[in-house]
Amino acid sequence: MRLYNTMTRTKEEFKPLKDKVVNMYVCGPTVYNYIHIGNARAFIVFDTVRRYLEYKGYTVNYVQNFTDIDDKIINRAKEENTTEKEIAERFIEEYFKDADALGIKRATVHPRATEHIDDIIEFIKILIDKGYAYVVDGNVYFETAKFKDYGKLSHKNIDELMAGARVEIDEKKKNPLDFALWKAQKPGEPAWDSPWGKGRPGWHIECSVMSTKYLGKTLDIHAGGPDLIFPHHENEIAQSEAAYDQPFSKYWMHIGYLNVNNEKMSKSKGNFFTVRELTEKYDPEVLRLFMLMAHYRSPINFSLDLLDQAKSAYERLSNAVVNLKHLVNITKDRELSDEEKDLIVKFDEYKKQFEEAMDDDFNTADAISVLFEMAKTANANLNGNSSKKLVEYILEMFLKLSDVLGLSYKNAETEIEDEEILRLIEERQKARKEKNWKLADEIRDKLKERGIILEDTPEGVRWKRIR
């Protein structure tokens, strides 16, 4: 398995520090609003990375934090005349609703910044004692000039970073690139006691503290959006390696940028989409499939037209599952013919192609193409006369590989327990064979009233529920 390492800008063979165990940290949301589709792409991609690693037999210790104290949270609390805690709790709950809908598995640990204040203070003490941090009027800053490798992730030197840094002028800093580890309390803001006075942690410090607390001083994979490379991840590296004198993460993974209608997503441009508003109109798995139909490092363009295309693609996959489940119900258990044995070999080759795509830097685009080939071959070669063993084998493989991508086809259920409905379907099939089209249409209409839609295809009849 190979993955692209942002640090080295090359694909590298994946070798975790401990055999068959992966310690992975993904920067989570700042919980002041619903997550948007840019957030969703990162969370879907790295959930898929985790799923594939687990598919390959790794134990994945997966940590994703919540930033639950931040200027945006403080501002929203003021706007709504409530507390920062209430804002954070509300949007953590809303995050889980969206993440669950998208098939994003819960992390092993979801730590919160406010629950680790003591750990953050101890970490800052280490940096001060080692001469990497300084105190000014209750604020504590990391001195970037003291860390000789600063800029190694973004591949920029200090002069370039100085020129490009969007840093507010702060006369208290020795250097514009120095960043806050601890912020002195401002009037009306929440604060905690510290050796430097009341205040709260800076943004960058929380991820270093929580990742090392739960995963160790060197991680296997640290991941996030492209906007986090600088300054967030750069600063994490500086403070973590300054504190512990060892590499912070072996591999760094970052997704490509997401634009909307070929422009940067922005509320002011009116092209801002939250996951919540889209999943009210589209199956969440359609959005997930859309995000995975391009390689994770490629920039992608989002539009409702493109999402409609993903919807059609998803329906093709889902219909293949409906058809396979139907065939499992009607086929007989018998030994495989030679042709069917050849078909199993063909599907084993599909599985190999899927794994080769995912082994090559988690190429979900190519992996999804394999699923479409599997669906096409199944539709063309399986029917009511096929061996049940063959159909079950192919269905199990298709669902297992789909699960790697987080696709469960929840709406493709075909279990019909009502004996009368089963009888009607059989009667309609008999009527069609006898060319009694009037009776067949009457039965179709009767089934539709019961919420069952029939689809007549060259491979046989399929059904699905519409309510």
Protein backbone atom coordinates (compact mmCIF):
# COMPACT_ATOMS: atom_id res chain seq x y z
CA MET A 1 0.00 0.00 0.00
CA ARG A 2 1.29 3.47 -0.92
CA LEU A 3 0.09 6.88 0.13
CA TYR A 4 1.08 10.42 -0.77
CA ASN A 5 2.92 12.17 2.05
CA THR A 6 2.51 15.97 2.02
CA MET A 7 5.76 16.26 3.96
CA THR A 8 7.88 14.55 1.30
CA ARG A 9 5.60 15.28 -1.68
CA THR A 10 5.96 11.69 -2.84
CA LYS A 11 4.02 8.46 -2.66
CA GLU A 12 5.53 6.27 0.02
CA GLU A 13 5.04 2.68 1.03
CA PHE A 14 2.80 2.64 4.08
CA LYS A 15 4.53 1.16 7.10
CA PRO A 16 2.97 2.08 10.45
CA LEU A 17 5.18 2.29 13.50
CA LYS A 18 3.57 -0.80 15.02
CA ASP A 19 2.61 -3.86 12.98
CA LYS A 20 -1.09 -3.91 12.04
CA VAL A 21 -1.89 -0.89 14.24
CA VAL A 22 -2.51 2.60 12.84
CA ASN A 23 -2.68 5.70 15.03
CA MET A 24 -4.54 8.33 13.01
CA TYR A 25 -5.54 11.88 13.90
CA VAL A 26 -7.95 13.98 11.84
CA CYS A 27 -8.61 17.63 12.64
CA GLY A 28 -12.29 17.96 13.49
CA PRO A 29 -14.77 20.83 13.26
CA THR A 30 -14.98 24.07 15.18
CA VAL A 31 -18.48 23.62 16.54
CA TYR A 32 -20.27 26.92 16.01
CA ASN A 33 -22.43 25.96 13.01
CA TYR A 34 -23.55 23.06 10.83
CA ILE A 35 -20.75 21.42 8.84
CA HIS A 36 -20.50 22.45 5.19
CA ILE A 37 -19.62 20.35 2.16
CA GLY A 38 -15.93 21.30 2.40
CA ASN A 39 -15.83 19.83 5.92
CA ALA A 40 -17.77 16.84 4.67
CA ARG A 41 -15.25 16.00 1.96
CA ALA A 42 -12.43 15.72 4.48
CA PHE A 43 -14.44 13.69 6.98
CA ILE A 44 -15.77 11.32 4.27
CA VAL A 45 -12.33 10.82 2.70
CA PHE A 46 -10.54 10.03 5.94
CA ASP A 47 -13.38 7.84 7.15
CA THR A 48 -12.87 5.87 3.92
CA VAL A 49 -9.12 5.67 4.57
CA ARG A 50 -9.91 4.29 8.00
CA ARG A 51 -12.43 1.81 6.61
CA TYR A 52 -9.96 0.49 4.05
CA LEU A 53 -7.22 0.10 6.63
CA GLU A 54 -9.65 -1.88 8.79
CA TYR A 55 -10.64 -3.94 5.73
CA LYS A 56 -6.93 -4.75 5.32
CA GLY A 57 -6.77 -6.04 8.88
CA TYR A 58 -5.35 -3.02 10.71
CA THR A 59 -6.56 -1.89 14.10
CA VAL A 60 -7.13 1.84 13.65
CA ASN A 61 -7.01 4.13 16.66
CA TYR A 62 -8.84 7.09 15.16
CA VAL A 63 -9.00 10.41 16.97
CA GLN A 64 -10.98 13.41 15.75
CA ASN A 65 -11.27 16.46 17.98
CA PHE A 66 -13.90 19.09 18.54
CA THR A 67 -12.68 22.68 18.87
CA ASP A 68 -15.22 23.84 21.45
CA ILE A 69 -13.67 27.18 22.42
CA ASP A 70 -12.81 29.69 19.71
CA ASP A 71 -13.50 33.26 18.60
CA LYS A 72 -16.34 32.08 16.33
CA ILE A 73 -18.00 30.19 19.16
CA ILE A 74 -17.62 33.18 21.49
CA ASN A 75 -19.12 35.52 18.89
CA ARG A 76 -22.07 33.23 18.20
CA ALA A 77 -22.76 32.90 21.93
CA LYS A 78 -22.87 36.70 22.20
CA GLU A 79 -25.20 36.96 19.20
CA GLU A 80 -27.60 34.44 20.71
CA ASN A 81 -27.18 35.67 24.29
CA THR A 82 -26.19 32.23 25.49
CA THR A 83 -23.05 30.40 26.65
CA GLU A 84 -20.17 29.06 24.62
CA LYS A 85 -20.81 25.64 26.15
CA GLU A 86 -24.42 25.64 24.93
CA ILE A 87 -23.32 26.57 21.39
CA ALA A 88 -20.66 23.85 21.37
CA GLU A 89 -22.98 21.17 22.77
CA ARG A 90 -25.68 22.00 20.24
CA PHE A 91 -23.43 21.82 17.21
CA ILE A 92 -21.56 18.73 18.39
CA GLU A 93 -24.95 17.03 18.48
CA GLU A 94 -25.77 18.39 15.02
CA TYR A 95 -22.38 17.24 13.72
CA PHE A 96 -23.11 13.68 14.79
CA LYS A 97 -26.50 13.77 13.04
CA ASP A 98 -24.85 14.80 9.78
CA ALA A 99 -21.87 12.46 10.18
CA ASP A 100 -24.08 9.48 10.96
CA ALA A 101 -26.24 10.22 7.91
CA LEU A 102 -23.11 10.32 5.73
CA GLY A 103 -21.91 6.97 7.08
CA ILE A 104 -18.95 8.51 8.92
CA LYS A 105 -17.99 6.16 11.73
CA ARG A 106 -17.53 7.51 15.24
CA ALA A 107 -13.91 8.10 16.15
CA THR A 108 -12.24 5.97 18.78
CA VAL A 109 -12.08 9.19 20.80
CA HIS A 110 -13.68 12.59 20.14
CA PRO A 111 -11.74 14.82 22.57
CA ARG A 112 -12.74 18.42 23.28
CA ALA A 113 -10.35 21.29 23.91
CA THR A 114 -12.12 22.46 27.07
CA GLU A 115 -11.77 19.01 28.63
CA HIS A 116 -7.97 19.12 28.29
CA ILE A 117 -7.03 22.49 29.76
CA ASP A 118 -4.70 20.95 32.38
CA ASP A 119 -2.94 18.89 29.68
CA ILE A 120 -2.55 22.01 27.53
CA ILE A 121 -1.06 23.99 30.41
CA GLU A 122 1.48 21.22 31.13
CA PHE A 123 2.44 21.09 27.44
CA ILE A 124 3.00 24.85 27.36
CA LYS A 125 5.16 24.61 30.49
CA ILE A 126 7.44 22.17 28.67
CA LEU A 127 7.87 24.60 25.78
CA ILE A 128 8.63 27.50 28.11
CA ASP A 129 11.15 25.43 30.07
CA LYS A 130 12.90 24.39 26.85
CA GLY A 131 13.12 27.98 25.63
CA TYR A 132 10.65 27.70 22.74
CA ALA A 133 7.94 29.88 24.25
CA TYR A 134 7.75 33.25 26.01
CA VAL A 135 5.22 35.07 28.17
CA VAL A 136 3.98 38.62 27.52
CA ASP A 137 1.17 40.17 29.60
CA GLY A 138 -0.50 36.84 30.32
CA ASN A 139 -0.15 35.61 26.73
CA VAL A 140 2.20 32.77 25.81
CA TYR A 141 3.71 32.65 22.31
CA PHE A 142 5.71 30.02 20.47
CA GLU A 143 8.92 31.49 19.06
CA THR A 144 9.09 30.11 15.53
CA ALA A 145 12.64 31.34 14.92
CA LYS A 146 13.84 28.89 17.59
CA PHE A 147 12.51 25.91 15.64
CA LYS A 148 14.99 25.42 12.81
CA ASP A 149 12.69 23.28 10.63
CA TYR A 150 9.75 25.68 10.65
CA GLY A 151 8.11 25.61 7.23
CA LYS A 152 9.07 22.03 6.32
CA LEU A 153 5.49 20.86 5.76
CA SER A 154 4.41 23.78 3.56
CA HIS A 155 7.87 23.74 1.92
CA LYS A 156 8.39 27.44 2.43
CA ASN A 157 11.25 29.22 4.12
CA ILE A 158 10.76 31.69 6.93
CA ASP A 159 11.09 34.74 4.63
CA GLU A 160 8.35 33.40 2.31
CA LEU A 161 6.11 32.66 5.25
CA MET A 162 6.70 36.11 6.69
CA ALA A 163 5.69 37.69 3.38
CA GLY A 164 2.59 35.57 2.95
CA ALA A 165 1.41 35.21 6.52
CA ARG A 166 -1.99 36.72 7.21
CA VAL A 167 -1.18 37.58 10.78
CA GLU A 168 -2.69 40.45 12.68
CA ILE A 169 -0.09 42.95 13.83
CA ASP A 170 0.66 42.20 17.47
CA GLU A 171 3.37 44.30 19.06
CA LYS A 172 3.66 41.78 21.88
CA LYS A 173 5.18 39.19 19.54
CA LYS A 174 8.89 39.00 18.86
CA ASN A 175 8.12 37.89 15.31
CA PRO A 176 4.91 38.12 13.22
CA LEU A 177 5.03 34.33 12.69
CA ASP A 178 5.03 33.57 16.40
CA PHE A 179 1.70 32.10 17.42
CA ALA A 180 -0.35 32.03 20.58
CA LEU A 181 -0.23 29.00 22.83
CA TRP A 182 -2.25 30.73 25.55
CA LYS A 183 -4.42 33.85 25.20
CA ALA A 184 -4.94 36.22 28.12
CA GLN A 185 -8.57 36.77 29.02
CA LYS A 186 -10.45 39.62 27.37
CA PRO A 187 -13.48 41.20 29.08
CA GLY A 188 -16.55 38.99 28.85
CA GLU A 189 -14.68 35.96 27.48
CA PRO A 190 -14.56 32.53 29.16
CA ALA A 191 -11.25 31.77 30.85
CA TRP A 192 -9.37 29.22 32.91
CA ASP A 193 -6.72 29.66 35.57
CA SER A 194 -3.11 29.17 34.49
CA PRO A 195 0.39 30.04 35.76
CA TRP A 196 0.25 33.06 33.42
CA GLY A 197 -3.13 34.33 34.53
CA LYS A 198 -6.67 33.66 33.41
CA GLY A 199 -7.04 32.85 29.73
CA ARG A 200 -7.77 30.17 27.18
CA PRO A 201 -5.72 27.98 24.83
CA GLY A 202 -4.74 28.97 21.33
CA TRP A 203 -6.10 26.92 18.46
CA HIS A 204 -2.96 25.03 17.37
CA ILE A 205 -1.99 23.75 20.80
CA GLU A 206 -5.14 21.69 21.34
CA CYS A 207 -4.44 19.30 18.46
CA SER A 208 -0.85 18.66 19.54
CA VAL A 209 -1.96 17.97 23.10
CA MET A 210 -4.93 15.73 22.30
CA SER A 211 -3.26 13.77 19.51
CA THR A 212 -0.20 12.92 21.59
CA LYS A 213 -2.30 12.20 24.68
CA TYR A 214 -4.37 9.54 22.92
CA LEU A 215 -2.03 8.30 20.19
CA GLY A 216 1.54 8.81 21.43
CA LYS A 217 4.27 11.31 20.66
CA THR A 218 4.64 10.13 17.05
CA LEU A 219 1.50 9.47 15.01
CA ASP A 220 1.22 7.26 11.96
CA ILE A 221 -1.14 9.54 10.01
CA HIS A 222 -2.18 13.13 10.58
CA ALA A 223 -4.83 14.38 8.17
CA GLY A 224 -6.99 17.36 7.29
CA GLY A 225 -8.03 19.90 4.69
CA PRO A 226 -5.55 21.76 2.45
CA ASP A 227 -6.18 25.03 4.30
CA LEU A 228 -4.70 23.46 7.43
CA ILE A 229 -1.22 22.83 6.00
CA PHE A 230 -0.24 26.37 6.95
CA PRO A 231 -0.37 27.60 9.57
CA HIS A 232 -2.23 24.98 11.64
CA HIS A 233 -0.31 21.80 10.84
CA GLU A 234 2.96 23.66 10.46
CA ASN A 235 2.50 25.03 13.97
CA GLU A 236 1.49 21.65 15.35
CA ILE A 237 4.74 20.18 14.04
CA ALA A 238 6.83 22.98 15.50
CA GLN A 239 5.40 22.84 19.01
CA SER A 240 5.17 19.03 19.16
CA GLU A 241 8.67 18.33 17.93
CA ALA A 242 10.08 21.13 20.05
CA ALA A 243 8.46 19.59 23.12
CA TYR A 244 9.33 15.94 22.52
CA ASP A 245 12.37 15.94 20.20
CA GLN A 246 10.90 13.32 17.87
CA PRO A 247 8.90 13.34 14.62
CA PHE A 248 5.28 14.35 15.20
CA SER A 249 3.72 12.29 12.40
CA LYS A 250 5.14 9.77 9.95
CA TYR A 251 2.63 10.58 7.20
CA TRP A 252 0.66 13.73 6.40
CA MET A 253 -2.50 13.51 4.26
CA HIS A 254 -4.47 16.44 2.83
CA ILE A 255 -7.46 16.57 0.51
CA GLY A 256 -7.75 18.83 -2.54
CA TYR A 257 -9.77 22.04 -2.56
CA LEU A 258 -13.50 22.06 -3.16
CA ASN A 259 -15.08 24.82 -5.24
CA VAL A 260 -18.76 25.47 -5.87
CA ASN A 261 -19.78 26.31 -9.43
CA ASN A 262 -16.09 26.88 -10.17
CA GLU A 263 -15.73 29.48 -7.43
CA LYS A 264 -14.49 29.36 -3.88
CA MET A 265 -17.39 28.57 -1.56
CA SER A 266 -18.53 31.68 0.28
CA LYS A 267 -21.68 32.81 2.06
CA SER A 268 -21.32 36.23 0.48
CA LYS A 269 -21.40 34.68 -3.01
CA GLY A 270 -24.49 32.66 -2.19
CA ASN A 271 -22.76 29.38 -3.10
CA PHE A 272 -22.44 28.02 0.43
CA PHE A 273 -23.96 24.60 1.13
CA THR A 274 -24.30 22.80 4.44
CA VAL A 275 -24.61 19.04 4.61
CA ARG A 276 -27.93 19.43 6.39
CA GLU A 277 -29.66 21.34 3.59
CA LEU A 278 -28.40 18.97 0.90
CA THR A 279 -29.36 15.78 2.73
CA GLU A 280 -32.90 17.07 3.09
CA LYS A 281 -33.15 16.76 -0.71
CA TYR A 282 -30.68 13.99 -1.54
CA ASP A 283 -29.89 10.61 -0.04
CA PRO A 284 -26.76 11.24 2.13
CA GLU A 285 -25.05 8.35 0.35
CA VAL A 286 -25.37 10.28 -2.92
CA LEU A 287 -23.32 13.10 -1.40
CA ARG A 288 -20.82 10.58 -0.08
CA LEU A 289 -20.48 8.94 -3.49
CA PHE A 290 -20.01 12.35 -5.12
CA MET A 291 -17.11 13.14 -2.78
CA LEU A 292 -15.39 9.83 -3.56
CA MET A 293 -15.83 9.87 -7.33
CA ALA A 294 -12.68 12.00 -7.64
CA HIS A 295 -9.27 11.21 -6.16
CA TYR A 296 -9.05 12.78 -2.71
CA ARG A 297 -6.03 14.94 -3.63
CA SER A 298 -7.70 16.33 -6.74
CA PRO A 299 -9.57 19.62 -6.53
CA ILE A 300 -13.27 19.08 -7.18
CA ASN A 301 -16.05 21.32 -8.35
CA PHE A 302 -19.45 21.01 -6.72
CA SER A 303 -22.75 21.89 -8.35
CA LEU A 304 -26.30 20.64 -8.04
CA ASP A 305 -26.12 19.36 -11.63
CA LEU A 306 -23.06 17.28 -10.76
CA LEU A 307 -24.80 16.05 -7.62
CA ASP A 308 -27.74 14.95 -9.80
CA GLN A 309 -25.28 12.97 -11.92
CA ALA A 310 -23.97 11.32 -8.76
CA LYS A 311 -27.56 10.52 -7.81
CA SER A 312 -28.06 8.69 -11.10
CA ALA A 313 -24.80 6.81 -10.57
CA TYR A 314 -25.81 5.86 -7.05
CA GLU A 315 -29.15 4.55 -8.30
CA ARG A 316 -27.33 2.27 -10.75
CA LEU A 317 -25.34 0.74 -7.91
CA SER A 318 -28.35 0.57 -5.62
CA ASN A 319 -30.46 -1.08 -8.32
CA ALA A 320 -27.76 -3.72 -8.78
CA VAL A 321 -28.08 -4.51 -5.07
CA VAL A 322 -31.88 -4.65 -5.35
CA ASN A 323 -31.55 -7.07 -8.25
CA LEU A 324 -29.02 -9.28 -6.46
CA LYS A 325 -31.13 -9.44 -3.31
CA HIS A 326 -34.14 -10.36 -5.41
CA LEU A 327 -32.20 -13.13 -7.14
CA VAL A 328 -31.05 -14.51 -3.79
CA ASN A 329 -34.74 -14.86 -2.88
CA ILE A 330 -35.78 -16.70 -6.04
CA THR A 331 -32.75 -18.79 -7.09
CA LYS A 332 -32.18 -22.40 -6.07
CA ASP A 333 -29.24 -23.83 -4.17
CA ARG A 334 -27.31 -26.06 -6.58
CA GLU A 335 -23.75 -26.77 -7.62
CA LEU A 336 -21.99 -24.24 -9.81
CA SER A 337 -21.72 -24.81 -13.54
CA ASP A 338 -18.38 -24.35 -15.30
CA GLU A 339 -19.55 -20.98 -16.65
CA GLU A 340 -20.52 -19.88 -13.15
CA LYS A 341 -17.12 -20.94 -11.82
CA ASP A 342 -15.54 -18.77 -14.50
CA LEU A 343 -17.77 -15.90 -13.36
CA ILE A 344 -16.50 -16.28 -9.79
CA VAL A 345 -12.94 -16.03 -11.11
CA LYS A 346 -13.95 -12.85 -12.93
CA PHE A 347 -15.40 -11.33 -9.76
CA ASP A 348 -12.32 -12.32 -7.78
CA GLU A 349 -10.35 -10.33 -10.36
CA TYR A 350 -12.68 -7.36 -9.80
CA LYS A 351 -11.95 -7.57 -6.08
CA LYS A 352 -8.22 -7.55 -6.84
CA GLN A 353 -8.63 -4.49 -9.06
CA PHE A 354 -10.59 -2.72 -6.32
CA GLU A 355 -7.83 -3.41 -3.80
CA GLU A 356 -5.11 -2.33 -6.24
CA ALA A 357 -6.91 0.99 -6.71
CA MET A 358 -7.23 1.56 -2.97
CA ASP A 359 -3.65 0.44 -2.34
CA ASP A 360 -2.52 3.16 -4.75
CA ASP A 361 -3.02 6.17 -2.48
CA PHE A 362 -6.68 5.35 -1.78
CA ASN A 363 -7.86 5.89 -5.34
CA THR A 364 -11.59 5.78 -4.69
CA ALA A 365 -12.38 7.01 -8.20
CA ASP A 366 -10.94 3.85 -9.75
CA ALA A 367 -12.40 1.69 -6.99
CA ILE A 368 -15.89 3.02 -7.76
CA SER A 369 -15.34 2.26 -11.46
CA VAL A 370 -14.73 -1.36 -10.45
CA LEU A 371 -18.07 -1.42 -8.62
CA PHE A 372 -19.83 -0.26 -11.79
CA GLU A 373 -18.12 -3.01 -13.78
CA MET A 374 -19.24 -5.54 -11.18
CA ALA A 375 -22.82 -4.27 -11.37
CA LYS A 376 -22.79 -4.38 -15.17
CA THR A 377 -21.42 -7.94 -15.26
CA ALA A 378 -23.86 -9.15 -12.61
CA ASN A 379 -26.85 -7.65 -14.44
CA ALA A 380 -25.77 -9.23 -17.71
CA ASN A 381 -25.00 -12.71 -16.41
CA LEU A 382 -27.30 -13.46 -13.48
CA ASN A 383 -30.97 -14.42 -13.64
CA GLY A 384 -33.53 -16.58 -11.91
CA ASN A 385 -31.83 -19.74 -13.18
CA SER A 386 -28.46 -18.87 -11.64
CA SER A 387 -27.08 -20.81 -8.70
CA LYS A 388 -27.99 -19.26 -5.36
CA LYS A 389 -24.37 -19.87 -4.25
CA LEU A 390 -23.12 -17.69 -7.10
CA VAL A 391 -25.59 -14.88 -6.46
CA GLU A 392 -24.84 -14.87 -2.73
CA TYR A 393 -21.10 -14.83 -3.41
CA ILE A 394 -21.36 -11.84 -5.73
CA LEU A 395 -23.80 -9.95 -3.47
CA GLU A 396 -21.59 -10.47 -0.42
CA MET A 397 -18.52 -9.26 -2.31
CA PHE A 398 -20.33 -6.23 -3.74
CA LEU A 399 -21.63 -5.16 -0.33
CA LYS A 400 -18.27 -5.74 1.38
CA LEU A 401 -16.38 -3.61 -1.13
CA SER A 402 -19.12 -0.97 -1.05
CA ASP A 403 -18.83 -0.86 2.74
CA VAL A 404 -15.17 0.11 2.37
CA LEU A 405 -16.49 3.24 0.64
CA GLY A 406 -19.18 3.71 3.28
CA LEU A 407 -22.03 2.79 0.93
CA SER A 408 -24.69 0.59 2.50
CA TYR A 409 -27.62 1.12 0.07
CA LYS A 410 -30.05 1.38 2.98
CA ASN A 411 -32.92 2.07 0.59
CA ALA A 412 -32.23 -1.08 -1.45
CA GLU A 413 -34.05 -3.40 0.94
CA THR A 414 -36.13 -6.01 -0.85
CA GLU A 415 -37.23 -8.24 1.98
CA ILE A 416 -40.98 -8.55 1.48
CA GLU A 417 -42.54 -10.47 4.32
CA ASP A 418 -46.16 -9.98 3.30
CA GLU A 419 -47.19 -13.29 1.73
CA GLU A 420 -49.93 -11.57 -0.26
CA ILE A 421 -47.39 -9.24 -1.93
CA LEU A 422 -45.17 -12.19 -2.82
CA ARG A 423 -48.21 -14.02 -4.21
CA LEU A 424 -49.18 -10.99 -6.32
CA ILE A 425 -45.69 -10.71 -7.80
CA GLU A 426 -45.76 -14.39 -8.73
CA GLU A 427 -49.26 -14.02 -10.22
CA ARG A 428 -48.11 -11.08 -12.31
CA GLN A 429 -45.12 -13.05 -13.58
CA LYS A 430 -47.49 -15.87 -14.56
CA ALA A 431 -49.86 -13.41 -16.27
CA ARG A 432 -46.99 -11.95 -18.29
CA LYS A 433 -45.87 -15.40 -19.42
CA GLU A 434 -49.46 -16.09 -20.54
CA LYS A 435 -49.52 -12.64 -22.23
CA ASN A 436 -52.44 -11.58 -20.06
CA TRP A 437 -51.28 -7.95 -20.07
CA LYS A 438 -54.49 -6.56 -18.59
CA LEU A 439 -54.18 -8.72 -15.45
CA ALA A 440 -50.42 -8.00 -15.22
CA ASP A 441 -51.08 -4.23 -15.29
CA GLU A 442 -53.83 -4.53 -12.68
CA ILE A 443 -51.47 -6.39 -10.34
CA ARG A 444 -48.72 -3.80 -10.94
CA ASP A 445 -51.14 -1.02 -9.96
CA LYS A 446 -52.28 -2.94 -6.89
CA LEU A 447 -48.65 -3.39 -5.78
CA LYS A 448 -47.95 0.30 -6.37
CA GLU A 449 -50.77 1.13 -3.96
CA ARG A 450 -48.95 -1.01 -1.40
CA GLY A 451 -45.72 0.98 -1.93
CA ILE A 452 -44.00 -1.61 -4.16
CA ILE A 453 -42.61 -0.52 -7.53
CA LEU A 454 -41.82 -3.20 -10.12
CA GLU A 455 -39.19 -2.79 -12.82
CA ASP A 456 -39.17 -5.20 -15.76
CA THR A 457 -35.64 -5.64 -17.10
CA PRO A 458 -33.93 -8.09 -19.47
CA GLU A 459 -32.47 -9.72 -16.37
CA GLY A 460 -35.86 -10.24 -14.76
CA VAL A 461 -38.26 -8.31 -12.58
CA ARG A 462 -36.90 -6.10 -9.80
CA TRP A 463 -38.80 -4.39 -7.04
CA LYS A 464 -38.22 -1.64 -4.53
CA ARG A 465 -40.21 0.09 -1.85
CA ILE A 466 -41.24 3.71 -2.30
CA ARG A 467 -42.55 4.16 1.22
